[in-house]
Amino acid sequence: MAHTLFKQILTTRLPTRFYSPSEIDQLKDLRDAGYIKVAFSPQQGAMPPFATVHEITNLGRAAARYFGSTYAPLPELPSVAFVLPSQHNPAG
């Protein structure tokens, strides 16, 4: 399942390679969703194809935060500043 593979990618040092045909198919889904940047090698003779994940995109990081992954900290909420009207006029 692509979601499980995405969680694995979130906790792996990049770049990382995948060789399994099922993982390569899942990586294509994650790429198409815009979550990762990945390069796919062409099959060369007896050497099986592989995929190298280079980066998790901003969209991928946002999805990880949205779905509760521990990959990235939740964004800090902006501080709320209340501005109260002042009857004091510093101009005079």
PDB file of N, CA and C in Angstrom:
ATOM      1  N   MET A   1       0.845  -1.177   0.000  1.00  0.00           N
ATOM      2  CA  MET A   1       0.000   0.000   0.000  1.00  0.00           C
ATOM      3  C   MET A   1       0.891   1.241   0.000  1.00  0.00           C
ATOM      4  N   ALA A   2       0.570   2.211  -0.841  1.00  0.00           N
ATOM      5  CA  ALA A   2       1.406   3.398  -1.010  1.00  0.00           C
ATOM      6  C   ALA A   2       1.531   4.198   0.280  1.00  0.00           C
ATOM      7  N   HIS A   3       0.479   4.199   1.096  1.00  0.00           N
ATOM      8  CA  HIS A   3       0.526   4.960   2.350  1.00  0.00           C
ATOM      9  C   HIS A   3       1.604   4.404   3.276  1.00  0.00           C
ATOM     10  N   THR A   4       1.689   3.092   3.360  1.00  0.00           N
ATOM     11  CA  THR A   4       2.708   2.453   4.205  1.00  0.00           C
ATOM     12  C   THR A   4       4.107   2.754   3.675  1.00  0.00           C
ATOM     13  N   LEU A   5       4.267   2.694   2.381  1.00  0.00           N
ATOM     14  CA  LEU A   5       5.564   3.002   1.777  1.00  0.00           C
ATOM     15  C   LEU A   5       5.926   4.467   2.003  1.00  0.00           C
ATOM     16  N   PHE A   6       4.943   5.353   1.914  1.00  0.00           N
ATOM     17  CA  PHE A   6       5.201   6.773   2.140  1.00  0.00           C
ATOM     18  C   PHE A   6       5.678   7.000   3.576  1.00  0.00           C
ATOM     19  N   LYS A   7       5.073   6.324   4.545  1.00  0.00           N
ATOM     20  CA  LYS A   7       5.524   6.439   5.936  1.00  0.00           C
ATOM     21  C   LYS A   7       6.970   5.969   6.064  1.00  0.00           C
ATOM     22  N   GLN A   8       7.302   4.894   5.345  1.00  0.00           N
ATOM     23  CA  GLN A   8       8.675   4.388   5.379  1.00  0.00           C
ATOM     24  C   GLN A   8       9.634   5.428   4.801  1.00  0.00           C
ATOM     25  N   ILE A   9       9.252   6.051   3.715  1.00  0.00           N
ATOM     26  CA  ILE A   9      10.100   7.065   3.083  1.00  0.00           C
ATOM     27  C   ILE A   9      10.307   8.248   4.017  1.00  0.00           C
ATOM     28  N   LEU A  10       9.256   8.602   4.765  1.00  0.00           N
ATOM     29  CA  LEU A  10       9.342   9.736   5.682  1.00  0.00           C
ATOM     30  C   LEU A  10      10.400   9.531   6.764  1.00  0.00           C
ATOM     31  N   THR A  11      10.676   8.288   7.099  1.00  0.00           N
ATOM     32  CA  THR A  11      11.632   8.005   8.175  1.00  0.00           C
ATOM     33  C   THR A  11      12.975   7.511   7.661  1.00  0.00           C
ATOM     34  N   THR A  12      13.180   7.570   6.350  1.00  0.00           N
ATOM     35  CA  THR A  12      14.409   7.070   5.733  1.00  0.00           C
ATOM     36  C   THR A  12      15.276   8.227   5.276  1.00  0.00           C
ATOM     37  N   ARG A  13      16.554   8.057   5.408  1.00  0.00           N
ATOM     38  CA  ARG A  13      17.495   9.055   4.908  1.00  0.00           C
ATOM     39  C   ARG A  13      17.490   9.006   3.381  1.00  0.00           C
ATOM     40  N   LEU A  14      17.339  10.148   2.764  1.00  0.00           N
ATOM     41  CA  LEU A  14      17.277  10.233   1.304  1.00  0.00           C
ATOM     42  C   LEU A  14      18.610  10.687   0.738  1.00  0.00           C
ATOM     43  N   PRO A  15      18.950  10.292  -0.451  1.00  0.00           N
ATOM     44  CA  PRO A  15      18.201   9.458  -1.393  1.00  0.00           C
ATOM     45  C   PRO A  15      18.239   7.992  -0.970  1.00  0.00           C
ATOM     46  N   THR A  16      17.208   7.268  -1.367  1.00  0.00           N
ATOM     47  CA  THR A  16      17.119   5.847  -1.083  1.00  0.00           C
ATOM     48  C   THR A  16      16.562   5.118  -2.297  1.00  0.00           C
ATOM     49  N   ARG A  17      16.954   3.865  -2.455  1.00  0.00           N
ATOM     50  CA  ARG A  17      16.544   3.086  -3.630  1.00  0.00           C
ATOM     51  C   ARG A  17      15.567   1.988  -3.250  1.00  0.00           C
ATOM     52  N   PHE A  18      14.705   1.682  -4.212  1.00  0.00           N
ATOM     53  CA  PHE A  18      13.744   0.596  -4.078  1.00  0.00           C
ATOM     54  C   PHE A  18      13.864  -0.287  -5.314  1.00  0.00           C
ATOM     55  N   TYR A  19      13.783  -1.600  -5.107  1.00  0.00           N
ATOM     56  CA  TYR A  19      13.980  -2.553  -6.195  1.00  0.00           C
ATOM     57  C   TYR A  19      12.745  -3.399  -6.484  1.00  0.00           C
ATOM     58  N   SER A  20      11.854  -3.522  -5.533  1.00  0.00           N
ATOM     59  CA  SER A  20      10.681  -4.376  -5.693  1.00  0.00           C
ATOM     60  C   SER A  20       9.718  -3.785  -6.727  1.00  0.00           C
ATOM     61  N   PRO A  21       9.226  -4.612  -7.657  1.00  0.00           N
ATOM     62  CA  PRO A  21       8.261  -4.095  -8.643  1.00  0.00           C
ATOM     63  C   PRO A  21       7.015  -3.498  -8.000  1.00  0.00           C
ATOM     64  N   SER A  22       6.547  -4.082  -6.903  1.00  0.00           N
ATOM     65  CA  SER A  22       5.352  -3.529  -6.253  1.00  0.00           C
ATOM     66  C   SER A  22       5.662  -2.177  -5.606  1.00  0.00           C
ATOM     67  N   GLU A  23       6.853  -2.036  -5.028  1.00  0.00           N
ATOM     68  CA  GLU A  23       7.240  -0.742  -4.451  1.00  0.00           C
ATOM     69  C   GLU A  23       7.414   0.303  -5.547  1.00  0.00           C
ATOM     70  N   ILE A  24       7.963  -0.094  -6.668  1.00  0.00           N
ATOM     71  CA  ILE A  24       8.140   0.843  -7.783  1.00  0.00           C
ATOM     72  C   ILE A  24       6.788   1.337  -8.275  1.00  0.00           C
ATOM     73  N   ASP A  25       5.798   0.445  -8.342  1.00  0.00           N
ATOM     74  CA  ASP A  25       4.447   0.870  -8.731  1.00  0.00           C
ATOM     75  C   ASP A  25       3.859   1.853  -7.721  1.00  0.00           C
ATOM     76  N   GLN A  26       4.084   1.598  -6.443  1.00  0.00           N
ATOM     77  CA  GLN A  26       3.584   2.495  -5.408  1.00  0.00           C
ATOM     78  C   GLN A  26       4.282   3.857  -5.469  1.00  0.00           C
ATOM     79  N   LEU A  27       5.575   3.841  -5.787  1.00  0.00           N
ATOM     80  CA  LEU A  27       6.318   5.092  -5.922  1.00  0.00           C
ATOM     81  C   LEU A  27       5.767   5.930  -7.066  1.00  0.00           C
ATOM     82  N   LYS A  28       5.320   5.275  -8.123  1.00  0.00           N
ATOM     83  CA  LYS A  28       4.701   6.008  -9.235  1.00  0.00           C
ATOM     84  C   LYS A  28       3.428   6.703  -8.769  1.00  0.00           C
ATOM     85  N   ASP A  29       2.653   6.014  -7.919  1.00  0.00           N
ATOM     86  CA  ASP A  29       1.440   6.632  -7.369  1.00  0.00           C
ATOM     87  C   ASP A  29       1.779   7.836  -6.496  1.00  0.00           C
ATOM     88  N   LEU A  30       2.810   7.701  -5.651  1.00  0.00           N
ATOM     89  CA  LEU A  30       3.218   8.806  -4.782  1.00  0.00           C
ATOM     90  C   LEU A  30       3.767   9.975  -5.593  1.00  0.00           C
ATOM     91  N   ARG A  31       4.483   9.665  -6.656  1.00  0.00           N
ATOM     92  CA  ARG A  31       4.981  10.715  -7.560  1.00  0.00           C
ATOM     93  C   ARG A  31       3.817  11.426  -8.236  1.00  0.00           C
ATOM     94  N   ASP A  32       2.860  10.649  -8.741  1.00  0.00           N
ATOM     95  CA  ASP A  32       1.711  11.234  -9.423  1.00  0.00           C
ATOM     96  C   ASP A  32       0.868  12.092  -8.481  1.00  0.00           C
ATOM     97  N   ALA A  33       0.862  11.736  -7.190  1.00  0.00           N
ATOM     98  CA  ALA A  33       0.139  12.527  -6.196  1.00  0.00           C
ATOM     99  C   ALA A  33       0.900  13.808  -5.859  1.00  0.00           C
ATOM    100  N   GLY A  34       2.180  13.866  -6.248  1.00  0.00           N
ATOM    101  CA  GLY A  34       2.992  15.049  -5.985  1.00  0.00           C
ATOM    102  C   GLY A  34       3.700  15.028  -4.646  1.00  0.00           C
ATOM    103  N   TYR A  35       3.791  13.845  -4.006  1.00  0.00           N
ATOM    104  CA  TYR A  35       4.382  13.751  -2.671  1.00  0.00           C
ATOM    105  C   TYR A  35       5.894  13.587  -2.677  1.00  0.00           C
ATOM    106  N   ILE A  36       6.447  13.027  -3.751  1.00  0.00           N
ATOM    107  CA  ILE A  36       7.883  12.741  -3.789  1.00  0.00           C
ATOM    108  C   ILE A  36       8.453  13.078  -5.153  1.00  0.00           C
ATOM    109  N   LYS A  37       9.784  13.248  -5.164  1.00  0.00           N
ATOM    110  CA  LYS A  37      10.535  13.330  -6.418  1.00  0.00           C
ATOM    111  C   LYS A  37      11.341  12.051  -6.498  1.00  0.00           C
ATOM    112  N   VAL A  38      11.134  11.321  -7.598  1.00  0.00           N
ATOM    113  CA  VAL A  38      11.736  10.003  -7.738  1.00  0.00           C
ATOM    114  C   VAL A  38      12.218   9.829  -9.174  1.00  0.00           C
ATOM    115  N   ALA A  39      13.327   9.107  -9.325  1.00  0.00           N
ATOM    116  CA  ALA A  39      13.859   8.793 -10.650  1.00  0.00           C
ATOM    117  C   ALA A  39      13.783   7.279 -10.834  1.00  0.00           C
ATOM    118  N   PHE A  40      13.311   6.865 -12.002  1.00  0.00           N
ATOM    119  CA  PHE A  40      13.179   5.453 -12.322  1.00  0.00           C
ATOM    120  C   PHE A  40      14.254   5.077 -13.336  1.00  0.00           C
ATOM    121  N   SER A  41      14.983   4.013 -13.031  1.00  0.00           N
ATOM    122  CA  SER A  41      16.026   3.564 -13.955  1.00  0.00           C
ATOM    123  C   SER A  41      15.401   2.680 -15.022  1.00  0.00           C
ATOM    124  N   PRO A  42      15.913   2.756 -16.227  1.00  0.00           N
ATOM    125  CA  PRO A  42      15.449   1.811 -17.241  1.00  0.00           C
ATOM    126  C   PRO A  42      16.088   0.446 -16.977  1.00  0.00           C
ATOM    127  N   GLN A  43      15.413  -0.596 -17.372  1.00  0.00           N
ATOM    128  CA  GLN A  43      15.984  -1.932 -17.207  1.00  0.00           C
ATOM    129  C   GLN A  43      17.145  -2.082 -18.180  1.00  0.00           C
ATOM    130  N   GLN A  44      18.281  -2.497 -17.654  1.00  0.00           N
ATOM    131  CA  GLN A  44      19.480  -2.643 -18.472  1.00  0.00           C
ATOM    132  C   GLN A  44      19.984  -4.073 -18.371  1.00  0.00           C
ATOM    133  N   GLY A  45      19.680  -4.857 -19.388  1.00  0.00           N
ATOM    134  CA  GLY A  45      20.133  -6.243 -19.410  1.00  0.00           C
ATOM    135  C   GLY A  45      19.580  -7.037 -18.247  1.00  0.00           C
ATOM    136  N   ALA A  46      20.469  -7.716 -17.530  1.00  0.00           N
ATOM    137  CA  ALA A  46      20.055  -8.554 -16.409  1.00  0.00           C
ATOM    138  C   ALA A  46      19.817  -7.755 -15.135  1.00  0.00           C
ATOM    139  N   MET A  47      20.268  -6.503 -15.121  1.00  0.00           N
ATOM    140  CA  MET A  47      20.087  -5.668 -13.927  1.00  0.00           C
ATOM    141  C   MET A  47      18.622  -5.249 -13.803  1.00  0.00           C
ATOM    142  N   PRO A  48      17.982  -5.572 -12.662  1.00  0.00           N
ATOM    143  CA  PRO A  48      16.566  -5.214 -12.519  1.00  0.00           C
ATOM    144  C   PRO A  48      16.400  -3.695 -12.393  1.00  0.00           C
ATOM    145  N   PRO A  49      15.244  -3.192 -12.786  1.00  0.00           N
ATOM    146  CA  PRO A  49      15.011  -1.760 -12.649  1.00  0.00           C
ATOM    147  C   PRO A  49      14.926  -1.378 -11.171  1.00  0.00           C
ATOM    148  N   PHE A  50      15.204  -0.120 -10.896  1.00  0.00           N
ATOM    149  CA  PHE A  50      15.079   0.374  -9.531  1.00  0.00           C
ATOM    150  C   PHE A  50      14.599   1.817  -9.586  1.00  0.00           C
ATOM    151  N   ALA A  51      14.193   2.313  -8.435  1.00  0.00           N
ATOM    152  CA  ALA A  51      13.738   3.693  -8.324  1.00  0.00           C
ATOM    153  C   ALA A  51      14.494   4.347  -7.179  1.00  0.00           C
ATOM    154  N   THR A  52      14.878   5.596  -7.385  1.00  0.00           N
ATOM    155  CA  THR A  52      15.587   6.342  -6.356  1.00  0.00           C
ATOM    156  C   THR A  52      14.739   7.530  -5.936  1.00  0.00           C
ATOM    157  N   VAL A  53      14.344   7.554  -4.668  1.00  0.00           N
ATOM    158  CA  VAL A  53      13.586   8.677  -4.120  1.00  0.00           C
ATOM    159  C   VAL A  53      14.597   9.715  -3.671  1.00  0.00           C
ATOM    160  N   HIS A  54      14.472  10.920  -4.222  1.00  0.00           N
ATOM    161  CA  HIS A  54      15.422  11.989  -3.923  1.00  0.00           C
ATOM    162  C   HIS A  54      14.889  13.001  -2.926  1.00  0.00           C
ATOM    163  N   GLU A  55      13.582  13.194  -2.917  1.00  0.00           N
ATOM    164  CA  GLU A  55      13.056  14.295  -2.126  1.00  0.00           C
ATOM    165  C   GLU A  55      11.587  14.073  -1.790  1.00  0.00           C
ATOM    166  N   ILE A  56      11.187  14.572  -0.642  1.00  0.00           N
ATOM    167  CA  ILE A  56       9.771  14.671  -0.288  1.00  0.00           C
ATOM    168  C   ILE A  56       9.379  16.105  -0.590  1.00  0.00           C
ATOM    169  N   THR A  57       8.355  16.281  -1.380  1.00  0.00           N
ATOM    170  CA  THR A  57       7.964  17.632  -1.803  1.00  0.00           C
ATOM    171  C   THR A  57       7.265  18.369  -0.670  1.00  0.00           C
ATOM    172  N   ASN A  58       7.058  19.658  -0.873  1.00  0.00           N
ATOM    173  CA  ASN A  58       6.310  20.445   0.107  1.00  0.00           C
ATOM    174  C   ASN A  58       4.908  19.877   0.281  1.00  0.00           C
ATOM    175  N   LEU A  59       4.300  19.447  -0.820  1.00  0.00           N
ATOM    176  CA  LEU A  59       2.972  18.837  -0.738  1.00  0.00           C
ATOM    177  C   LEU A  59       3.033  17.544   0.072  1.00  0.00           C
ATOM    178  N   GLY A  60       4.079  16.761  -0.122  1.00  0.00           N
ATOM    179  CA  GLY A  60       4.250  15.535   0.651  1.00  0.00           C
ATOM    180  C   GLY A  60       4.401  15.805   2.131  1.00  0.00           C
ATOM    181  N   ARG A  61       5.164  16.835   2.473  1.00  0.00           N
ATOM    182  CA  ARG A  61       5.318  17.213   3.889  1.00  0.00           C
ATOM    183  C   ARG A  61       3.993  17.677   4.476  1.00  0.00           C
ATOM    184  N   ALA A  62       3.249  18.458   3.696  1.00  0.00           N
ATOM    185  CA  ALA A  62       1.943  18.938   4.164  1.00  0.00           C
ATOM    186  C   ALA A  62       0.996  17.757   4.375  1.00  0.00           C
ATOM    187  N   ALA A  63       1.006  16.800   3.460  1.00  0.00           N
ATOM    188  CA  ALA A  63       0.150  15.617   3.604  1.00  0.00           C
ATOM    189  C   ALA A  63       0.553  14.818   4.840  1.00  0.00           C
ATOM    190  N   ALA A  64       1.851  14.710   5.085  1.00  0.00           N
ATOM    191  CA  ALA A  64       2.328  13.982   6.267  1.00  0.00           C
ATOM    192  C   ALA A  64       1.833  14.653   7.542  1.00  0.00           C
ATOM    193  N   ARG A  65       1.910  15.978   7.586  1.00  0.00           N
ATOM    194  CA  ARG A  65       1.407  16.692   8.770  1.00  0.00           C
ATOM    195  C   ARG A  65      -0.100  16.530   8.903  1.00  0.00           C
ATOM    196  N   TYR A  66      -0.808  16.631   7.791  1.00  0.00           N
ATOM    197  CA  TYR A  66      -2.263  16.535   7.809  1.00  0.00           C
ATOM    198  C   TYR A  66      -2.727  15.165   8.301  1.00  0.00           C
ATOM    199  N   PHE A  67      -2.045  14.123   7.855  1.00  0.00           N
ATOM    200  CA  PHE A  67      -2.444  12.777   8.235  1.00  0.00           C
ATOM    201  C   PHE A  67      -1.766  12.298   9.513  1.00  0.00           C
ATOM    202  N   GLY A  68      -1.071  13.201  10.197  1.00  0.00           N
ATOM    203  CA  GLY A  68      -0.558  12.894  11.516  1.00  0.00           C
ATOM    204  C   GLY A  68       0.751  12.160  11.574  1.00  0.00           C
ATOM    205  N   SER A  69       1.569  12.264  10.546  1.00  0.00           N
ATOM    206  CA  SER A  69       2.865  11.619  10.577  1.00  0.00           C
ATOM    207  C   SER A  69       3.776  12.368  11.533  1.00  0.00           C
ATOM    208  N   THR A  70       4.711  11.658  12.110  1.00  0.00           N
ATOM    209  CA  THR A  70       5.678  12.294  13.002  1.00  0.00           C
ATOM    210  C   THR A  70       6.897  12.795  12.241  1.00  0.00           C
ATOM    211  N   TYR A  71       6.821  12.769  10.903  1.00  0.00           N
ATOM    212  CA  TYR A  71       7.960  13.206  10.104  1.00  0.00           C
ATOM    213  C   TYR A  71       8.324  14.653  10.392  1.00  0.00           C
ATOM    214  N   ALA A  72       7.334  15.504  10.434  1.00  0.00           N
ATOM    215  CA  ALA A  72       7.592  16.929  10.623  1.00  0.00           C
ATOM    216  C   ALA A  72       6.741  17.425  11.777  1.00  0.00           C
ATOM    217  N   PRO A  73       7.259  18.358  12.529  1.00  0.00           N
ATOM    218  CA  PRO A  73       6.457  18.885  13.635  1.00  0.00           C
ATOM    219  C   PRO A  73       5.237  19.622  13.098  1.00  0.00           C
ATOM    220  N   LEU A  74       4.216  19.618  13.891  1.00  0.00           N
ATOM    221  CA  LEU A  74       3.039  20.385  13.503  1.00  0.00           C
ATOM    222  C   LEU A  74       3.418  21.859  13.449  1.00  0.00           C
ATOM    223  N   PRO A  75       2.857  22.573  12.511  1.00  0.00           N
ATOM    224  CA  PRO A  75       3.217  23.987  12.424  1.00  0.00           C
ATOM    225  C   PRO A  75       2.749  24.729  13.662  1.00  0.00           C
ATOM    226  N   GLU A  76       3.556  25.674  14.073  1.00  0.00           N
ATOM    227  CA  GLU A  76       3.176  26.479  15.231  1.00  0.00           C
ATOM    228  C   GLU A  76       2.036  27.400  14.846  1.00  0.00           C
ATOM    229  N   LEU A  77       1.126  27.556  15.778  1.00  0.00           N
ATOM    230  CA  LEU A  77       0.037  28.480  15.532  1.00  0.00           C
ATOM    231  C   LEU A  77       0.562  29.894  15.678  1.00  0.00           C
ATOM    232  N   PRO A  78       0.127  30.792  14.821  1.00  0.00           N
ATOM    233  CA  PRO A  78       0.601  32.167  14.960  1.00  0.00           C
ATOM    234  C   PRO A  78       0.075  32.760  16.259  1.00  0.00           C
ATOM    235  N   SER A  79       0.892  33.588  16.874  1.00  0.00           N
ATOM    236  CA  SER A  79       0.438  34.230  18.102  1.00  0.00           C
ATOM    237  C   SER A  79      -0.625  35.259  17.742  1.00  0.00           C
ATOM    238  N   VAL A  80      -1.562  35.377  18.618  1.00  0.00           N
ATOM    239  CA  VAL A  80      -2.658  36.305  18.385  1.00  0.00           C
ATOM    240  C   VAL A  80      -2.374  37.559  19.190  1.00  0.00           C
ATOM    241  N   ALA A  81      -2.312  38.659  18.511  1.00  0.00           N
ATOM    242  CA  ALA A  81      -2.072  39.934  19.188  1.00  0.00           C
ATOM    243  C   ALA A  81      -3.369  40.730  19.171  1.00  0.00           C
ATOM    244  N   PHE A  82      -3.748  41.156  20.338  1.00  0.00           N
ATOM    245  CA  PHE A  82      -4.947  41.977  20.434  1.00  0.00           C
ATOM    246  C   PHE A  82      -4.527  43.430  20.504  1.00  0.00           C
ATOM    247  N   VAL A  83      -5.094  44.247  19.679  1.00  0.00           N
ATOM    248  CA  VAL A  83      -4.790  45.664  19.688  1.00  0.00           C
ATOM    249  C   VAL A  83      -6.027  46.371  20.236  1.00  0.00           C
ATOM    250  N   LEU A  84      -5.842  46.963  21.379  1.00  0.00           N
ATOM    251  CA  LEU A  84      -6.950  47.675  21.991  1.00  0.00           C
ATOM    252  C   LEU A  84      -6.875  49.138  21.603  1.00  0.00           C
ATOM    253  N   PRO A  85      -8.015  49.726  21.310  1.00  0.00           N
ATOM    254  CA  PRO A  85      -7.985  51.143  20.980  1.00  0.00           C
ATOM    255  C   PRO A  85      -7.530  51.950  22.195  1.00  0.00           C
ATOM    256  N   SER A  86      -6.759  52.942  21.919  1.00  0.00           N
ATOM    257  CA  SER A  86      -6.246  53.798  22.985  1.00  0.00           C
ATOM    258  C   SER A  86      -6.817  55.186  22.840  1.00  0.00           C
ATOM    259  N   GLN A  87      -7.186  55.754  23.962  1.00  0.00           N
ATOM    260  CA  GLN A  87      -7.705  57.108  23.932  1.00  0.00           C
ATOM    261  C   GLN A  87      -6.568  58.115  24.011  1.00  0.00           C
ATOM    262  N   HIS A  88      -5.373  57.594  24.237  1.00  0.00           N
ATOM    263  CA  HIS A  88      -4.206  58.477  24.330  1.00  0.00           C
ATOM    264  C   HIS A  88      -3.749  58.837  22.922  1.00  0.00           C
ATOM    265  N   ASN A  89      -3.560  60.094  22.663  1.00  0.00           N
ATOM    266  CA  ASN A  89      -3.093  60.549  21.366  1.00  0.00           C
ATOM    267  C   ASN A  89      -1.648  61.042  21.526  1.00  0.00           C
ATOM    268  N   PRO A  90      -0.666  60.262  21.078  1.00  0.00           N
ATOM    269  CA  PRO A  90       0.727  60.659  21.288  1.00  0.00           C
ATOM    270  C   PRO A  90       1.098  61.905  20.476  1.00  0.00           C
ATOM    271  N   ALA A  91       0.328  62.263  19.477  1.00  0.00           N
ATOM    272  CA  ALA A  91       0.662  63.423  18.661  1.00  0.00           C
ATOM    273  C   ALA A  91       0.322  64.722  19.401  1.00  0.00           C
ATOM    274  N   GLY A  92      -0.407  64.624  20.467  1.00  0.00           N
ATOM    275  CA  GLY A  92      -0.597  65.848  21.166  1.00  0.00           C
ATOM    276  C   GLY A  92      -1.950  66.152  21.555  1.00  0.00           C
TER     277      GLY A  92
END
